[in-house]
């Protein structure tokens, strides 16, 4: 691959990753992940 093509592929993948992060956040995915992580941590230390 040439340098320009490789750079274009990297930029496209970065943009796609940013899009998926934004969609997941807007969809409420971050809230669900945080709630599950907090529940697991609470169980590990014996609070839940």
Protein backbone atom coordinates (compact mmCIF):
# COMPACT_ATOMS: atom_id res chain seq x y z
CA UNK A 1 0.00 0.00 0.00
CA UNK A 2 1.21 3.47 -0.72
CA UNK A 3 1.53 6.05 2.00
CA UNK A 4 -1.47 8.06 0.81
CA UNK A 5 -3.77 5.04 0.67
CA UNK A 6 -2.64 3.88 4.09
CA UNK A 7 -3.28 7.33 5.54
CA UNK A 8 -6.73 7.46 3.96
CA UNK A 9 -7.61 4.04 5.38
CA UNK A 10 -6.46 5.10 8.86
CA UNK A 11 -8.52 8.29 8.71
CA UNK A 12 -11.60 6.39 7.50
CA UNK A 13 -11.28 3.81 10.29
CA UNK A 14 -10.81 6.54 12.89
CA UNK A 15 -13.91 8.36 11.63
CA UNK A 16 -15.90 5.12 11.70
CA UNK A 17 -14.76 4.38 15.26
CA UNK A 18 -15.72 7.91 16.37
CA UNK A 19 -19.13 7.49 14.75
CA UNK A 20 -19.75 4.20 16.56
CA UNK A 21 -18.66 5.72 19.88
CA UNK A 22 -21.05 8.64 19.39
CA UNK A 23 -23.94 6.36 18.41
CA UNK A 24 -23.33 4.08 21.39
CA UNK A 25 -23.24 7.02 23.76
CA UNK A 26 -26.42 8.53 22.34
CA UNK A 27 -28.08 5.10 22.51
CA UNK A 28 -27.46 4.88 26.27
CA UNK A 29 -24.78 2.22 26.00
CA UNK A 30 -22.33 4.06 28.25
CA UNK A 31 -24.93 4.24 31.02
CA UNK A 32 -25.57 0.49 30.81
CA UNK A 33 -21.87 -0.36 30.86
CA UNK A 34 -21.30 1.89 33.89
CA UNK A 35 -24.27 0.37 35.74
CA UNK A 36 -23.03 -3.17 35.09
CA UNK A 37 -19.48 -2.27 36.13
CA UNK A 38 -20.71 -0.67 39.35
CA UNK A 39 -22.82 -3.74 40.15
CA UNK A 40 -19.88 -6.08 39.57
CA UNK A 41 -17.58 -3.96 41.74
CA UNK A 42 -20.17 -3.81 44.50
CA UNK A 43 -20.48 -7.59 44.45
CA UNK A 44 -16.70 -8.04 44.53
CA UNK A 45 -16.29 -6.01 47.72
CA UNK A 46 -19.37 -7.55 49.31
CA UNK A 47 -21.87 -4.70 49.15
CA UNK A 48 -24.38 -6.28 46.84
